[in-house]
């Protein structure tokens, strides 16, 4: 569903220009505009509708229907400054409104509490700079919850997880 959006002339002054409408750019644009800022989002890809999607994964991948096309958005690689750059598909990203958030596995993983204090729990790891985070899971949890609500994460079928009771308390059993 296309939402009514303000239109700006190229001569209009805006507060923010965001390049890319993916997971980061889209949320940033939403948050800024919700707080009264004038925001323009630049996206290289098209606005896709339900009719543009198919369940044929081979076709989607082979024709680069959701991602950058190596011939239209070429990436080149070279090992040294003197070497001639050669075309190589170095990364795949979503090339459409919504960016990579349109083509992904719909998994929204949260870090676990131990991830923030692993150095304290397991000790030093030789040859690695393992450190505890300067923040905790509890510091991030409200932001996890807000993002999950905004993008429509469902927690049904999580009953088998150890945290299911806590998740159910946050979102309600019928969420």
N, C-alpha and C. Protein backbone atom coordinates (compact mmCIF):
# COMPACT_ATOMS: atom_id res chain seq x y z
N UNK A 1 0.84 -1.17 0.00
CA UNK A 1 0.00 0.00 0.00
C UNK A 1 0.89 1.24 0.00
N UNK A 2 0.70 2.09 -0.95
CA UNK A 2 1.46 3.33 -1.05
C UNK A 2 0.83 4.36 -0.13
N UNK A 3 1.61 4.91 0.76
CA UNK A 3 1.16 5.90 1.71
C UNK A 3 1.36 7.29 1.11
N UNK A 4 0.43 8.20 1.39
CA UNK A 4 0.61 9.58 0.92
C UNK A 4 1.91 10.12 1.47
N UNK A 5 2.69 10.68 0.59
CA UNK A 5 4.00 11.20 0.97
C UNK A 5 4.12 12.63 0.49
N UNK A 6 4.80 13.46 1.26
CA UNK A 6 5.02 14.83 0.78
C UNK A 6 5.90 14.81 -0.45
N UNK A 7 5.68 15.72 -1.34
CA UNK A 7 6.49 15.86 -2.55
C UNK A 7 7.26 17.16 -2.43
N UNK A 8 8.52 17.13 -2.77
CA UNK A 8 9.36 18.31 -2.70
C UNK A 8 9.91 18.64 -4.08
N UNK A 9 10.05 19.92 -4.36
CA UNK A 9 10.72 20.36 -5.57
C UNK A 9 12.22 20.24 -5.32
N UNK A 10 13.00 20.14 -6.39
CA UNK A 10 14.45 20.05 -6.22
C UNK A 10 15.02 21.30 -5.57
N UNK A 11 14.30 22.40 -5.62
CA UNK A 11 14.76 23.64 -4.99
C UNK A 11 14.33 23.76 -3.53
N UNK A 12 13.44 22.86 -3.04
CA UNK A 12 12.98 22.92 -1.65
C UNK A 12 14.09 22.50 -0.70
N UNK A 13 14.13 23.16 0.44
CA UNK A 13 15.09 22.79 1.46
C UNK A 13 14.45 21.73 2.36
N UNK A 14 15.23 20.68 2.67
CA UNK A 14 14.76 19.63 3.57
C UNK A 14 15.77 19.49 4.70
N UNK A 15 15.37 18.77 5.74
CA UNK A 15 16.26 18.60 6.90
C UNK A 15 17.24 17.45 6.71
N UNK A 16 16.77 16.37 6.07
CA UNK A 16 17.61 15.19 5.91
C UNK A 16 17.39 14.57 4.54
N UNK A 17 18.48 14.06 3.96
CA UNK A 17 18.41 13.24 2.76
C UNK A 17 19.02 11.90 3.14
N UNK A 18 18.25 10.84 2.96
CA UNK A 18 18.70 9.50 3.31
C UNK A 18 18.85 8.70 2.03
N UNK A 19 20.00 8.08 1.86
CA UNK A 19 20.25 7.26 0.68
C UNK A 19 19.97 5.81 1.03
N UNK A 20 18.94 5.27 0.40
CA UNK A 20 18.55 3.88 0.63
C UNK A 20 17.37 3.78 1.57
N UNK A 21 16.39 2.97 1.17
CA UNK A 21 15.16 2.83 1.96
C UNK A 21 15.07 1.47 2.63
N UNK A 22 16.21 0.84 2.87
CA UNK A 22 16.22 -0.48 3.48
C UNK A 22 15.94 -0.43 4.97
N UNK A 23 16.39 -1.46 5.68
CA UNK A 23 16.10 -1.60 7.10
C UNK A 23 16.56 -0.39 7.90
N UNK A 24 17.73 0.12 7.63
CA UNK A 24 18.22 1.28 8.38
C UNK A 24 17.62 2.57 7.85
N UNK A 25 17.72 2.80 6.55
CA UNK A 25 17.23 4.05 5.96
C UNK A 25 15.74 4.24 6.12
N UNK A 26 14.98 3.17 5.94
CA UNK A 26 13.53 3.27 6.06
C UNK A 26 13.08 3.62 7.47
N UNK A 27 13.69 2.97 8.45
CA UNK A 27 13.33 3.25 9.84
C UNK A 27 13.79 4.65 10.24
N UNK A 28 14.98 5.03 9.82
CA UNK A 28 15.48 6.38 10.13
C UNK A 28 14.56 7.44 9.53
N UNK A 29 14.15 7.25 8.29
CA UNK A 29 13.25 8.20 7.63
C UNK A 29 11.91 8.28 8.37
N UNK A 30 11.39 7.14 8.76
CA UNK A 30 10.11 7.11 9.48
C UNK A 30 10.22 7.85 10.81
N UNK A 31 11.28 7.57 11.55
CA UNK A 31 11.45 8.21 12.86
C UNK A 31 11.63 9.71 12.73
N UNK A 32 12.48 10.14 11.80
CA UNK A 32 12.72 11.58 11.62
C UNK A 32 11.45 12.30 11.16
N UNK A 33 10.77 11.74 10.18
CA UNK A 33 9.56 12.40 9.66
C UNK A 33 8.45 12.40 10.70
N UNK A 34 8.38 11.37 11.54
CA UNK A 34 7.37 11.33 12.61
C UNK A 34 7.59 12.43 13.65
N UNK A 35 8.82 12.93 13.70
CA UNK A 35 9.15 13.99 14.65
C UNK A 35 9.19 15.36 13.97
N UNK A 36 8.57 15.45 12.80
CA UNK A 36 8.40 16.75 12.16
C UNK A 36 9.50 17.20 11.21
N UNK A 37 10.50 16.37 11.00
CA UNK A 37 11.57 16.74 10.07
C UNK A 37 11.13 16.49 8.63
N UNK A 38 11.63 17.31 7.74
CA UNK A 38 11.37 17.14 6.30
C UNK A 38 12.46 16.22 5.76
N UNK A 39 12.03 15.05 5.27
CA UNK A 39 12.97 14.00 4.90
C UNK A 39 12.75 13.58 3.46
N UNK A 40 13.84 13.41 2.73
CA UNK A 40 13.79 12.84 1.39
C UNK A 40 14.61 11.56 1.41
N UNK A 41 14.03 10.49 0.85
CA UNK A 41 14.73 9.21 0.74
C UNK A 41 15.02 8.96 -0.73
N UNK A 42 16.27 8.70 -1.04
CA UNK A 42 16.67 8.37 -2.41
C UNK A 42 16.83 6.86 -2.50
N UNK A 43 16.20 6.25 -3.50
CA UNK A 43 16.27 4.81 -3.69
C UNK A 43 16.51 4.53 -5.16
N UNK A 44 17.51 3.71 -5.46
CA UNK A 44 17.82 3.42 -6.87
C UNK A 44 16.85 2.45 -7.51
N UNK A 45 16.16 1.68 -6.71
CA UNK A 45 15.28 0.67 -7.27
C UNK A 45 13.84 1.10 -7.34
N UNK A 46 13.00 0.26 -7.92
CA UNK A 46 11.58 0.58 -8.11
C UNK A 46 10.75 0.34 -6.85
N UNK A 47 9.56 0.91 -6.84
CA UNK A 47 8.56 0.59 -5.82
C UNK A 47 7.79 -0.62 -6.34
N UNK A 48 7.91 -1.73 -5.63
CA UNK A 48 7.27 -2.97 -6.08
C UNK A 48 5.92 -3.14 -5.38
N UNK A 49 5.00 -3.73 -6.12
CA UNK A 49 3.69 -4.06 -5.55
C UNK A 49 3.57 -5.57 -5.46
N UNK A 50 2.51 -6.05 -4.88
CA UNK A 50 2.30 -7.48 -4.72
C UNK A 50 2.39 -8.22 -6.06
N UNK A 51 1.92 -7.59 -7.11
CA UNK A 51 1.94 -8.22 -8.44
C UNK A 51 3.36 -8.45 -8.97
N UNK A 52 4.33 -7.73 -8.42
CA UNK A 52 5.72 -7.87 -8.88
C UNK A 52 6.43 -9.07 -8.27
N UNK A 53 5.82 -9.72 -7.30
CA UNK A 53 6.47 -10.82 -6.60
C UNK A 53 5.96 -12.17 -7.10
N UNK A 54 6.85 -13.15 -7.08
CA UNK A 54 6.52 -14.49 -7.51
C UNK A 54 7.15 -15.47 -6.53
N UNK A 55 6.67 -16.70 -6.53
CA UNK A 55 7.25 -17.73 -5.67
C UNK A 55 8.31 -18.54 -6.41
N UNK A 56 8.76 -18.05 -7.54
CA UNK A 56 9.78 -18.73 -8.32
C UNK A 56 11.15 -18.17 -7.94
N UNK A 57 11.79 -18.80 -6.96
CA UNK A 57 13.07 -18.30 -6.45
C UNK A 57 14.17 -18.32 -7.51
N UNK A 58 14.15 -19.31 -8.38
CA UNK A 58 15.18 -19.40 -9.42
C UNK A 58 15.06 -18.20 -10.35
N UNK A 59 13.85 -17.87 -10.75
CA UNK A 59 13.63 -16.71 -11.63
C UNK A 59 14.06 -15.42 -10.93
N UNK A 60 13.68 -15.26 -9.66
CA UNK A 60 14.03 -14.05 -8.92
C UNK A 60 15.55 -13.89 -8.83
N UNK A 61 16.25 -14.99 -8.54
CA UNK A 61 17.71 -14.93 -8.43
C UNK A 61 18.37 -14.76 -9.79
N UNK A 62 17.96 -15.54 -10.76
CA UNK A 62 18.60 -15.51 -12.08
C UNK A 62 18.43 -14.16 -12.78
N UNK A 63 17.28 -13.52 -12.59
CA UNK A 63 17.00 -12.26 -13.27
C UNK A 63 17.25 -11.04 -12.39
N UNK A 64 17.80 -11.27 -11.19
CA UNK A 64 18.10 -10.17 -10.26
C UNK A 64 16.89 -9.26 -10.07
N UNK A 65 15.72 -9.88 -9.85
CA UNK A 65 14.49 -9.09 -9.74
C UNK A 65 14.40 -8.24 -8.47
N UNK A 66 15.05 -8.68 -7.40
CA UNK A 66 14.98 -7.93 -6.15
C UNK A 66 16.32 -7.33 -5.73
N UNK A 67 17.35 -7.69 -6.43
CA UNK A 67 18.70 -7.27 -6.01
C UNK A 67 19.41 -6.49 -7.11
N UNK A 68 20.56 -5.98 -6.72
CA UNK A 68 21.37 -5.26 -7.69
C UNK A 68 21.75 -6.18 -8.85
N UNK A 69 21.74 -5.62 -10.03
CA UNK A 69 22.03 -6.37 -11.25
C UNK A 69 23.50 -6.12 -11.62
N UNK A 70 24.31 -7.17 -11.77
CA UNK A 70 25.74 -6.97 -12.00
C UNK A 70 26.07 -6.19 -13.27
N UNK A 71 25.19 -6.20 -14.25
CA UNK A 71 25.46 -5.42 -15.47
C UNK A 71 25.01 -3.96 -15.32
N UNK A 72 23.95 -3.73 -14.54
CA UNK A 72 23.46 -2.37 -14.34
C UNK A 72 24.17 -1.65 -13.20
N UNK A 73 24.58 -2.38 -12.18
CA UNK A 73 25.32 -1.83 -11.05
C UNK A 73 26.59 -2.67 -10.87
N UNK A 74 27.53 -2.53 -11.78
CA UNK A 74 28.72 -3.38 -11.73
C UNK A 74 29.62 -3.05 -10.53
N UNK A 75 30.24 -4.09 -10.03
CA UNK A 75 31.24 -3.95 -8.99
C UNK A 75 32.55 -4.47 -9.57
N UNK A 76 33.62 -3.74 -9.33
CA UNK A 76 34.92 -4.20 -9.81
C UNK A 76 35.85 -4.40 -8.62
N UNK A 77 36.80 -5.31 -8.80
CA UNK A 77 37.73 -5.66 -7.74
C UNK A 77 39.13 -5.71 -8.32
N UNK A 78 40.09 -5.26 -7.54
CA UNK A 78 41.51 -5.43 -7.89
C UNK A 78 42.28 -5.59 -6.59
N UNK A 79 43.40 -6.32 -6.67
CA UNK A 79 44.18 -6.61 -5.47
C UNK A 79 45.20 -5.53 -5.18
N UNK A 80 45.66 -4.83 -6.21
CA UNK A 80 46.65 -3.77 -6.00
C UNK A 80 46.23 -2.55 -6.82
N UNK A 81 46.74 -1.37 -6.48
CA UNK A 81 46.39 -0.17 -7.25
C UNK A 81 46.83 -0.25 -8.72
N UNK A 82 47.85 -1.05 -9.00
CA UNK A 82 48.36 -1.15 -10.37
C UNK A 82 47.60 -2.16 -11.22
N UNK A 83 46.88 -3.04 -10.60
CA UNK A 83 46.14 -4.08 -11.33
C UNK A 83 44.89 -3.47 -11.97
N UNK A 84 44.55 -3.97 -13.15
CA UNK A 84 43.32 -3.53 -13.81
C UNK A 84 42.11 -4.12 -13.08
N UNK A 85 41.14 -3.29 -12.80
CA UNK A 85 39.94 -3.75 -12.09
C UNK A 85 39.14 -4.68 -12.97
N UNK A 86 38.64 -5.76 -12.36
CA UNK A 86 37.85 -6.76 -13.08
C UNK A 86 36.45 -6.82 -12.49
N UNK A 87 35.44 -6.96 -13.35
CA UNK A 87 34.07 -7.09 -12.83
C UNK A 87 33.94 -8.33 -11.96
N UNK A 88 33.32 -8.17 -10.82
CA UNK A 88 33.07 -9.30 -9.94
C UNK A 88 31.89 -8.95 -9.04
N UNK A 89 30.99 -9.88 -8.91
CA UNK A 89 29.84 -9.64 -8.03
C UNK A 89 30.33 -9.77 -6.59
N UNK A 90 30.55 -8.63 -5.97
CA UNK A 90 31.14 -8.62 -4.63
C UNK A 90 30.10 -8.65 -3.52
N UNK A 91 28.94 -8.07 -3.78
CA UNK A 91 27.91 -8.11 -2.76
C UNK A 91 26.54 -8.01 -3.41
N UNK A 92 25.56 -8.55 -2.72
CA UNK A 92 24.19 -8.52 -3.22
C UNK A 92 23.36 -7.71 -2.22
N UNK A 93 22.64 -6.74 -2.71
CA UNK A 93 21.79 -5.94 -1.83
C UNK A 93 20.44 -5.72 -2.50
N UNK A 94 19.45 -5.41 -1.69
CA UNK A 94 18.11 -5.17 -2.20
C UNK A 94 18.06 -3.91 -3.03
N UNK A 95 17.60 -4.01 -4.26
CA UNK A 95 17.49 -2.86 -5.16
C UNK A 95 16.02 -2.61 -5.45
N UNK A 96 15.35 -2.06 -4.45
CA UNK A 96 13.93 -1.73 -4.55
C UNK A 96 13.57 -0.93 -3.30
N UNK A 97 12.43 -0.31 -3.31
CA UNK A 97 12.00 0.41 -2.11
C UNK A 97 11.85 -0.63 -1.00
N UNK A 98 12.54 -0.40 0.09
CA UNK A 98 12.58 -1.36 1.19
C UNK A 98 13.92 -2.06 1.25
N UNK A 99 14.70 -1.97 0.17
CA UNK A 99 16.04 -2.54 0.15
C UNK A 99 16.08 -4.00 0.52
N UNK A 100 17.12 -4.36 1.25
CA UNK A 100 17.34 -5.75 1.61
C UNK A 100 16.26 -6.27 2.55
N UNK A 101 15.50 -5.37 3.20
CA UNK A 101 14.43 -5.86 4.06
C UNK A 101 13.31 -6.51 3.25
N UNK A 102 13.33 -6.34 1.93
CA UNK A 102 12.32 -6.98 1.07
C UNK A 102 12.72 -8.42 0.75
N UNK A 103 14.01 -8.69 0.64
CA UNK A 103 14.43 -10.05 0.32
C UNK A 103 15.40 -10.55 1.39
N UNK A 104 14.86 -11.24 2.34
CA UNK A 104 15.65 -11.83 3.40
C UNK A 104 14.83 -12.97 3.97
N UNK A 105 15.33 -13.66 4.97
CA UNK A 105 14.66 -14.86 5.44
C UNK A 105 13.62 -14.60 6.52
N UNK A 106 13.34 -13.35 6.81
CA UNK A 106 12.33 -12.96 7.81
C UNK A 106 12.69 -13.45 9.20
N UNK A 107 13.97 -13.54 9.48
CA UNK A 107 14.43 -13.87 10.81
C UNK A 107 14.92 -12.59 11.48
N UNK A 108 14.43 -12.31 12.65
CA UNK A 108 14.84 -11.13 13.41
C UNK A 108 15.48 -11.61 14.71
N UNK A 109 16.76 -11.84 14.66
CA UNK A 109 17.46 -12.39 15.81
C UNK A 109 17.84 -11.28 16.79
N UNK A 110 17.67 -11.58 18.05
CA UNK A 110 18.15 -10.71 19.11
C UNK A 110 19.44 -11.31 19.67
N UNK A 111 20.36 -10.46 20.11
CA UNK A 111 21.48 -10.96 20.87
C UNK A 111 20.94 -11.52 22.18
N UNK A 112 21.70 -12.41 22.80
CA UNK A 112 21.35 -12.95 24.12
C UNK A 112 22.10 -12.14 25.18
N UNK A 113 21.64 -12.24 26.41
CA UNK A 113 22.29 -11.48 27.49
C UNK A 113 23.77 -11.79 27.58
N UNK A 114 24.14 -13.05 27.40
CA UNK A 114 25.55 -13.42 27.52
C UNK A 114 26.41 -12.77 26.43
N UNK A 115 25.83 -12.46 25.28
CA UNK A 115 26.60 -11.86 24.19
C UNK A 115 27.23 -10.53 24.62
N UNK A 116 26.63 -9.86 25.56
CA UNK A 116 27.12 -8.56 26.00
C UNK A 116 28.20 -8.67 27.07
N UNK A 117 28.29 -9.83 27.72
CA UNK A 117 29.24 -10.01 28.82
C UNK A 117 30.09 -11.27 28.63
N UNK A 118 30.29 -11.66 27.38
CA UNK A 118 30.97 -12.92 27.10
C UNK A 118 32.40 -12.94 27.64
N UNK A 119 33.11 -11.85 27.54
CA UNK A 119 34.49 -11.79 28.04
C UNK A 119 34.52 -12.10 29.54
N UNK A 120 33.58 -11.53 30.29
CA UNK A 120 33.52 -11.78 31.73
C UNK A 120 33.17 -13.23 32.03
N UNK A 121 32.36 -13.84 31.17
CA UNK A 121 31.92 -15.22 31.40
C UNK A 121 32.95 -16.26 30.97
N UNK A 122 33.59 -16.05 29.81
CA UNK A 122 34.49 -17.09 29.28
C UNK A 122 35.97 -16.74 29.43
N UNK A 123 36.26 -15.50 29.76
CA UNK A 123 37.65 -15.10 29.91
C UNK A 123 38.27 -14.71 28.58
N UNK A 124 39.55 -14.37 28.62
CA UNK A 124 40.22 -13.93 27.39
C UNK A 124 40.35 -15.06 26.37
N UNK A 125 40.37 -14.68 25.11
CA UNK A 125 40.58 -15.62 24.02
C UNK A 125 41.89 -15.24 23.37
N UNK A 126 42.89 -16.12 23.40
CA UNK A 126 44.21 -15.78 22.84
C UNK A 126 44.10 -15.34 21.37
N UNK A 127 44.73 -14.22 21.07
CA UNK A 127 44.74 -13.72 19.70
C UNK A 127 43.51 -12.95 19.30
N UNK A 128 42.57 -12.76 20.22
CA UNK A 128 41.33 -12.04 19.90
C UNK A 128 41.17 -10.88 20.88
N UNK A 129 40.49 -9.88 20.43
CA UNK A 129 40.21 -8.72 21.29
C UNK A 129 38.83 -8.81 21.90
N UNK A 130 38.47 -9.95 22.46
CA UNK A 130 37.14 -10.14 23.03
C UNK A 130 36.95 -9.24 24.24
N UNK A 131 35.90 -8.44 24.19
CA UNK A 131 35.60 -7.51 25.28
C UNK A 131 34.10 -7.56 25.57
N UNK A 132 33.76 -7.21 26.79
CA UNK A 132 32.34 -7.03 27.11
C UNK A 132 31.86 -5.76 26.43
N UNK A 133 30.58 -5.72 26.10
CA UNK A 133 30.00 -4.52 25.50
C UNK A 133 29.84 -3.44 26.57
N UNK A 134 29.83 -2.19 26.17
CA UNK A 134 29.62 -1.11 27.15
C UNK A 134 28.13 -0.92 27.48
N UNK A 135 27.26 -1.71 26.86
CA UNK A 135 25.83 -1.68 27.15
C UNK A 135 25.37 -3.09 27.46
N UNK A 136 24.16 -3.22 27.97
CA UNK A 136 23.61 -4.53 28.31
C UNK A 136 22.43 -4.87 27.42
N UNK A 137 22.00 -6.11 27.51
CA UNK A 137 20.79 -6.53 26.80
C UNK A 137 19.61 -5.67 27.26
N UNK A 138 19.54 -5.41 28.55
CA UNK A 138 18.44 -4.60 29.08
C UNK A 138 18.43 -3.20 28.48
N UNK A 139 19.61 -2.65 28.19
CA UNK A 139 19.67 -1.34 27.55
C UNK A 139 19.05 -1.38 26.15
N UNK A 140 19.29 -2.47 25.42
CA UNK A 140 18.81 -2.58 24.04
C UNK A 140 17.37 -3.08 23.93
N UNK A 141 16.90 -3.80 24.93
CA UNK A 141 15.60 -4.46 24.82
C UNK A 141 14.46 -3.54 24.40
N UNK A 142 14.33 -2.33 24.94
CA UNK A 142 13.22 -1.48 24.48
C UNK A 142 13.30 -1.15 22.99
N UNK A 143 14.51 -1.07 22.46
CA UNK A 143 14.68 -0.78 21.04
C UNK A 143 14.35 -2.00 20.19
N UNK A 144 14.75 -3.18 20.66
CA UNK A 144 14.34 -4.41 19.99
C UNK A 144 12.82 -4.46 19.88
N UNK A 145 12.16 -4.23 21.01
CA UNK A 145 10.70 -4.29 21.06
C UNK A 145 10.06 -3.28 20.12
N UNK A 146 10.58 -2.06 20.13
CA UNK A 146 10.01 -1.02 19.27
C UNK A 146 10.15 -1.39 17.79
N UNK A 147 11.33 -1.81 17.39
CA UNK A 147 11.56 -2.18 15.98
C UNK A 147 10.69 -3.36 15.60
N UNK A 148 10.63 -4.37 16.45
CA UNK A 148 9.82 -5.55 16.14
C UNK A 148 8.35 -5.17 15.98
N UNK A 149 7.87 -4.25 16.79
CA UNK A 149 6.49 -3.80 16.67
C UNK A 149 6.29 -3.05 15.36
N UNK A 150 7.21 -2.14 15.05
CA UNK A 150 7.09 -1.30 13.85
C UNK A 150 7.10 -2.12 12.57
N UNK A 151 7.92 -3.17 12.52
CA UNK A 151 8.02 -3.94 11.28
C UNK A 151 7.14 -5.19 11.28
N UNK A 152 6.42 -5.42 12.37
CA UNK A 152 5.44 -6.50 12.38
C UNK A 152 5.97 -7.87 12.66
N UNK A 153 6.95 -7.99 13.54
CA UNK A 153 7.46 -9.31 13.90
C UNK A 153 6.40 -10.04 14.71
N UNK A 154 6.12 -11.27 14.32
CA UNK A 154 5.15 -12.10 15.02
C UNK A 154 5.89 -13.12 15.87
N UNK A 155 5.38 -13.38 17.05
CA UNK A 155 6.04 -14.34 17.92
C UNK A 155 5.26 -15.64 18.07
N UNK A 156 4.27 -15.86 17.23
CA UNK A 156 3.57 -17.14 17.26
C UNK A 156 4.57 -18.23 16.93
N UNK A 157 4.33 -19.41 17.44
CA UNK A 157 5.17 -20.58 17.20
C UNK A 157 6.50 -20.49 17.92
N UNK A 158 6.61 -19.64 18.92
CA UNK A 158 7.84 -19.55 19.70
C UNK A 158 7.72 -20.27 21.04
N UNK A 159 6.65 -21.00 21.22
CA UNK A 159 6.40 -21.63 22.51
C UNK A 159 7.54 -22.57 22.93
N UNK A 160 8.27 -23.12 21.98
CA UNK A 160 9.33 -24.06 22.31
C UNK A 160 10.59 -23.37 22.82
N UNK A 161 10.69 -22.08 22.65
CA UNK A 161 11.89 -21.37 23.08
C UNK A 161 11.87 -21.10 24.57
N UNK A 162 13.05 -21.10 25.22
CA UNK A 162 13.09 -20.84 26.65
C UNK A 162 12.56 -19.46 27.04
N UNK A 163 12.68 -18.48 26.16
CA UNK A 163 12.23 -17.13 26.46
C UNK A 163 10.76 -16.91 26.09
N UNK A 164 10.06 -17.96 25.69
CA UNK A 164 8.69 -17.79 25.18
C UNK A 164 7.77 -17.14 26.20
N UNK A 165 7.93 -17.47 27.47
CA UNK A 165 7.05 -16.87 28.49
C UNK A 165 7.25 -15.36 28.54
N UNK A 166 8.51 -14.92 28.52
CA UNK A 166 8.79 -13.49 28.57
C UNK A 166 8.29 -12.80 27.32
N UNK A 167 8.49 -13.42 26.16
CA UNK A 167 8.03 -12.83 24.91
C UNK A 167 6.51 -12.72 24.92
N UNK A 168 5.84 -13.76 25.38
CA UNK A 168 4.38 -13.73 25.46
C UNK A 168 3.88 -12.64 26.38
N UNK A 169 4.61 -12.39 27.48
CA UNK A 169 4.21 -11.33 28.40
C UNK A 169 4.34 -9.96 27.76
N UNK A 170 5.37 -9.80 26.93
CA UNK A 170 5.58 -8.51 26.28
C UNK A 170 4.53 -8.27 25.21
N UNK A 171 4.29 -9.27 24.35
CA UNK A 171 3.44 -9.07 23.19
C UNK A 171 2.02 -9.61 23.38
N UNK A 172 1.81 -10.44 24.37
CA UNK A 172 0.50 -11.07 24.52
C UNK A 172 0.50 -12.40 23.79
N UNK A 173 -0.19 -13.35 24.32
CA UNK A 173 -0.19 -14.70 23.75
C UNK A 173 -0.76 -14.79 22.35
N UNK A 174 -1.67 -13.90 21.99
CA UNK A 174 -2.31 -13.98 20.68
C UNK A 174 -1.70 -13.03 19.67
N UNK A 175 -0.53 -12.50 19.95
CA UNK A 175 0.10 -11.53 19.06
C UNK A 175 0.36 -12.14 17.71
